[in-house]
């Protein structure tokens, strides 16, 4: 079996998490909605946020 569909779903969840973060949702609120832990949400946000130079 191919895990491509799981990767696509994960990419979509990341997009949702980042969109909610940009709109001001707290990590706790995001975690509850996307069914992840706050640690997972924090890690995704830190990894995906652009670094301002």
PDB file of N, CA and C in Angstrom:
ATOM      1  N   UNK A   1       0.838  -1.191   0.000  1.00  0.00           N
ATOM      2  CA  UNK A   1       0.000   0.000   0.000  1.00  0.00           C
ATOM      3  C   UNK A   1       0.878   1.248   0.000  1.00  0.00           C
ATOM      4  N   UNK A   2       0.384   2.266  -0.608  1.00  0.00           N
ATOM      5  CA  UNK A   2       1.097   3.544  -0.705  1.00  0.00           C
ATOM      6  C   UNK A   2       0.603   4.493   0.382  1.00  0.00           C
ATOM      7  N   UNK A   3       1.512   5.246   0.955  1.00  0.00           N
ATOM      8  CA  UNK A   3       1.143   6.199   2.001  1.00  0.00           C
ATOM      9  C   UNK A   3       0.908   7.602   1.451  1.00  0.00           C
ATOM     10  N   UNK A   4       0.747   7.726   0.152  1.00  0.00           N
ATOM     11  CA  UNK A   4       0.561   9.034  -0.470  1.00  0.00           C
ATOM     12  C   UNK A   4      -0.659   9.754   0.077  1.00  0.00           C
ATOM     13  N   UNK A   5      -1.765   9.053   0.241  1.00  0.00           N
ATOM     14  CA  UNK A   5      -2.973   9.721   0.722  1.00  0.00           C
ATOM     15  C   UNK A   5      -2.786  10.234   2.142  1.00  0.00           C
ATOM     16  N   UNK A   6      -2.023   9.508   2.976  1.00  0.00           N
ATOM     17  CA  UNK A   6      -1.753   9.979   4.339  1.00  0.00           C
ATOM     18  C   UNK A   6      -0.918  11.254   4.282  1.00  0.00           C
ATOM     19  N   UNK A   7       0.064  11.311   3.398  1.00  0.00           N
ATOM     20  CA  UNK A   7       0.890  12.507   3.256  1.00  0.00           C
ATOM     21  C   UNK A   7       0.083  13.709   2.811  1.00  0.00           C
ATOM     22  N   UNK A   8      -0.862  13.490   1.928  1.00  0.00           N
ATOM     23  CA  UNK A   8      -1.723  14.579   1.445  1.00  0.00           C
ATOM     24  C   UNK A   8      -2.588  15.091   2.592  1.00  0.00           C
ATOM     25  N   UNK A   9      -3.144  14.183   3.388  1.00  0.00           N
ATOM     26  CA  UNK A   9      -3.968  14.596   4.526  1.00  0.00           C
ATOM     27  C   UNK A   9      -3.137  15.370   5.541  1.00  0.00           C
ATOM     28  N   UNK A  10      -1.899  14.921   5.773  1.00  0.00           N
ATOM     29  CA  UNK A  10      -1.021  15.622   6.708  1.00  0.00           C
ATOM     30  C   UNK A  10      -0.696  17.022   6.191  1.00  0.00           C
ATOM     31  N   UNK A  11      -0.434  17.153   4.891  1.00  0.00           N
ATOM     32  CA  UNK A  11      -0.156  18.464   4.299  1.00  0.00           C
ATOM     33  C   UNK A  11      -1.347  19.403   4.467  1.00  0.00           C
ATOM     34  N   UNK A  12      -2.537  18.876   4.281  1.00  0.00           N
ATOM     35  CA  UNK A  12      -3.742  19.692   4.445  1.00  0.00           C
ATOM     36  C   UNK A  12      -3.908  20.122   5.896  1.00  0.00           C
ATOM     37  N   UNK A  13      -3.615  19.231   6.842  1.00  0.00           N
ATOM     38  CA  UNK A  13      -3.709  19.594   8.260  1.00  0.00           C
ATOM     39  C   UNK A  13      -2.700  20.686   8.588  1.00  0.00           C
ATOM     40  N   UNK A  14      -1.519  20.603   8.009  1.00  0.00           N
ATOM     41  CA  UNK A  14      -0.504  21.633   8.247  1.00  0.00           C
ATOM     42  C   UNK A  14      -0.993  22.974   7.727  1.00  0.00           C
ATOM     43  N   UNK A  15      -1.604  22.983   6.554  1.00  0.00           N
ATOM     44  CA  UNK A  15      -2.152  24.225   5.995  1.00  0.00           C
ATOM     45  C   UNK A  15      -3.229  24.799   6.910  1.00  0.00           C
ATOM     46  N   UNK A  16      -4.099  23.927   7.414  1.00  0.00           N
ATOM     47  CA  UNK A  16      -5.165  24.370   8.323  1.00  0.00           C
ATOM     48  C   UNK A  16      -4.558  24.942   9.598  1.00  0.00           C
ATOM     49  N   UNK A  17      -3.577  24.244  10.161  1.00  0.00           N
ATOM     50  CA  UNK A  17      -2.920  24.710  11.392  1.00  0.00           C
ATOM     51  C   UNK A  17      -2.296  26.075  11.183  1.00  0.00           C
ATOM     52  N   UNK A  18      -1.564  26.260  10.090  1.00  0.00           N
ATOM     53  CA  UNK A  18      -0.895  27.539   9.842  1.00  0.00           C
ATOM     54  C   UNK A  18      -1.909  28.651   9.580  1.00  0.00           C
ATOM     55  N   UNK A  19      -2.994  28.344   8.890  1.00  0.00           N
ATOM     56  CA  UNK A  19      -4.031  29.338   8.630  1.00  0.00           C
ATOM     57  C   UNK A  19      -4.686  29.777   9.938  1.00  0.00           C
ATOM     58  N   UNK A  20      -4.982  28.823  10.801  1.00  0.00           N
ATOM     59  CA  UNK A  20      -5.593  29.152  12.086  1.00  0.00           C
ATOM     60  C   UNK A  20      -4.625  29.970  12.940  1.00  0.00           C
ATOM     61  N   UNK A  21      -3.358  29.626  12.900  1.00  0.00           N
ATOM     62  CA  UNK A  21      -2.340  30.365  13.653  1.00  0.00           C
ATOM     63  C   UNK A  21      -2.270  31.819  13.183  1.00  0.00           C
ATOM     64  N   UNK A  22      -2.281  32.018  11.865  1.00  0.00           N
ATOM     65  CA  UNK A  22      -2.233  33.369  11.307  1.00  0.00           C
ATOM     66  C   UNK A  22      -3.471  34.184  11.697  1.00  0.00           C
ATOM     67  N   UNK A  23      -4.591  33.499  11.910  1.00  0.00           N
ATOM     68  CA  UNK A  23      -5.825  34.198  12.283  1.00  0.00           C
ATOM     69  C   UNK A  23      -5.946  34.419  13.780  1.00  0.00           C
ATOM     70  N   UNK A  24      -4.946  33.969  14.554  1.00  0.00           N
ATOM     71  CA  UNK A  24      -4.922  34.270  15.973  1.00  0.00           C
ATOM     72  C   UNK A  24      -5.424  33.190  16.914  1.00  0.00           C
ATOM     73  N   UNK A  25      -5.692  32.006  16.395  1.00  0.00           N
ATOM     74  CA  UNK A  25      -6.095  30.913  17.273  1.00  0.00           C
ATOM     75  C   UNK A  25      -4.916  30.505  18.156  1.00  0.00           C
ATOM     76  N   UNK A  26      -5.207  30.092  19.376  1.00  0.00           N
ATOM     77  CA  UNK A  26      -4.146  29.619  20.271  1.00  0.00           C
ATOM     78  C   UNK A  26      -3.784  28.182  19.894  1.00  0.00           C
ATOM     79  N   UNK A  27      -2.571  27.749  20.256  1.00  0.00           N
ATOM     80  CA  UNK A  27      -2.204  26.347  19.989  1.00  0.00           C
ATOM     81  C   UNK A  27      -3.178  25.355  20.623  1.00  0.00           C
ATOM     82  N   UNK A  28      -3.717  25.698  21.777  1.00  0.00           N
ATOM     83  CA  UNK A  28      -4.675  24.814  22.434  1.00  0.00           C
ATOM     84  C   UNK A  28      -5.956  24.671  21.610  1.00  0.00           C
ATOM     85  N   UNK A  29      -6.439  25.790  21.071  1.00  0.00           N
ATOM     86  CA  UNK A  29      -7.640  25.756  20.238  1.00  0.00           C
ATOM     87  C   UNK A  29      -7.386  24.950  18.965  1.00  0.00           C
ATOM     88  N   UNK A  30      -6.245  25.185  18.355  1.00  0.00           N
ATOM     89  CA  UNK A  30      -5.902  24.478  17.121  1.00  0.00           C
ATOM     90  C   UNK A  30      -5.809  22.975  17.386  1.00  0.00           C
ATOM     91  N   UNK A  31      -5.114  22.607  18.459  1.00  0.00           N
ATOM     92  CA  UNK A  31      -4.922  21.192  18.791  1.00  0.00           C
ATOM     93  C   UNK A  31      -6.263  20.478  18.971  1.00  0.00           C
ATOM     94  N   UNK A  32      -7.183  21.147  19.635  1.00  0.00           N
ATOM     95  CA  UNK A  32      -8.501  20.539  19.863  1.00  0.00           C
ATOM     96  C   UNK A  32      -9.228  20.304  18.546  1.00  0.00           C
ATOM     97  N   UNK A  33      -9.134  21.248  17.635  1.00  0.00           N
ATOM     98  CA  UNK A  33      -9.864  21.149  16.366  1.00  0.00           C
ATOM     99  C   UNK A  33      -9.244  20.116  15.434  1.00  0.00           C
ATOM    100  N   UNK A  34      -7.910  20.088  15.324  1.00  0.00           N
ATOM    101  CA  UNK A  34      -7.258  19.178  14.370  1.00  0.00           C
ATOM    102  C   UNK A  34      -6.864  17.839  14.994  1.00  0.00           C
ATOM    103  N   UNK A  35      -7.218  17.667  16.267  1.00  0.00           N
ATOM    104  CA  UNK A  35      -6.965  16.418  16.980  1.00  0.00           C
ATOM    105  C   UNK A  35      -5.481  16.053  17.020  1.00  0.00           C
ATOM    106  N   UNK A  36      -4.676  17.034  17.406  1.00  0.00           N
ATOM    107  CA  UNK A  36      -3.242  16.860  17.643  1.00  0.00           C
ATOM    108  C   UNK A  36      -2.960  17.352  19.051  1.00  0.00           C
ATOM    109  N   UNK A  37      -1.759  17.072  19.557  1.00  0.00           N
ATOM    110  CA  UNK A  37      -1.391  17.616  20.858  1.00  0.00           C
ATOM    111  C   UNK A  37      -0.885  19.041  20.671  1.00  0.00           C
ATOM    112  N   UNK A  38      -0.867  19.801  21.756  1.00  0.00           N
ATOM    113  CA  UNK A  38      -0.348  21.167  21.654  1.00  0.00           C
ATOM    114  C   UNK A  38       1.133  21.143  21.301  1.00  0.00           C
ATOM    115  N   UNK A  39       1.861  20.131  21.747  1.00  0.00           N
ATOM    116  CA  UNK A  39       3.285  20.014  21.383  1.00  0.00           C
ATOM    117  C   UNK A  39       3.453  19.814  19.883  1.00  0.00           C
ATOM    118  N   UNK A  40       2.593  18.999  19.288  1.00  0.00           N
ATOM    119  CA  UNK A  40       2.654  18.786  17.845  1.00  0.00           C
ATOM    120  C   UNK A  40       2.326  20.075  17.098  1.00  0.00           C
ATOM    121  N   UNK A  41       1.296  20.776  17.555  1.00  0.00           N
ATOM    122  CA  UNK A  41       0.901  22.042  16.919  1.00  0.00           C
ATOM    123  C   UNK A  41       2.030  23.062  17.035  1.00  0.00           C
ATOM    124  N   UNK A  42       2.616  23.192  18.224  1.00  0.00           N
ATOM    125  CA  UNK A  42       3.731  24.128  18.410  1.00  0.00           C
ATOM    126  C   UNK A  42       4.893  23.795  17.488  1.00  0.00           C
ATOM    127  N   UNK A  43       5.214  22.515  17.357  1.00  0.00           N
ATOM    128  CA  UNK A  43       6.323  22.098  16.496  1.00  0.00           C
ATOM    129  C   UNK A  43       6.048  22.441  15.038  1.00  0.00           C
ATOM    130  N   UNK A  44       4.819  22.232  14.595  1.00  0.00           N
ATOM    131  CA  UNK A  44       4.459  22.549  13.207  1.00  0.00           C
ATOM    132  C   UNK A  44       4.560  24.051  12.968  1.00  0.00           C
ATOM    133  N   UNK A  45       4.050  24.837  13.904  1.00  0.00           N
ATOM    134  CA  UNK A  45       4.090  26.296  13.754  1.00  0.00           C
ATOM    135  C   UNK A  45       5.535  26.788  13.711  1.00  0.00           C
ATOM    136  N   UNK A  46       6.363  26.313  14.620  1.00  0.00           N
ATOM    137  CA  UNK A  46       7.772  26.747  14.650  1.00  0.00           C
ATOM    138  C   UNK A  46       8.514  26.339  13.405  1.00  0.00           C
ATOM    139  N   UNK A  47       8.220  25.157  12.887  1.00  0.00           N
ATOM    140  CA  UNK A  47       8.906  24.658  11.687  1.00  0.00           C
ATOM    141  C   UNK A  47       8.474  25.416  10.433  1.00  0.00           C
ATOM    142  N   UNK A  48       7.228  25.841  10.378  1.00  0.00           N
ATOM    143  CA  UNK A  48       6.665  26.440   9.147  1.00  0.00           C
ATOM    144  C   UNK A  48       6.677  27.951   9.122  1.00  0.00           C
ATOM    145  N   UNK A  49       6.878  28.612  10.264  1.00  0.00           N
ATOM    146  CA  UNK A  49       6.867  30.079  10.277  1.00  0.00           C
ATOM    147  C   UNK A  49       8.093  30.604   9.531  1.00  0.00           C
ATOM    148  N   UNK A  50       7.894  31.617   8.697  1.00  0.00           N
ATOM    149  CA  UNK A  50       9.049  32.224   8.044  1.00  0.00           C
ATOM    150  C   UNK A  50       9.918  32.963   9.058  1.00  0.00           C
ATOM    151  N   UNK A  51      11.202  32.893   8.823  1.00  0.00           N
ATOM    152  CA  UNK A  51      12.146  33.585   9.706  1.00  0.00           C
ATOM    153  C   UNK A  51      12.354  34.993   9.167  1.00  0.00           C
ATOM    154  N   UNK A  52      12.124  36.007  10.004  1.00  0.00           N
ATOM    155  CA  UNK A  52      12.314  37.377   9.574  1.00  0.00           C
ATOM    156  C   UNK A  52      13.758  37.779   9.820  1.00  0.00           C
ATOM    157  N   UNK A  53      14.387  38.296   8.790  1.00  0.00           N
ATOM    158  CA  UNK A  53      15.795  38.688   8.916  1.00  0.00           C
ATOM    159  C   UNK A  53      15.916  40.173   9.102  1.00  0.00           C
TER     160      UNK A  53
END
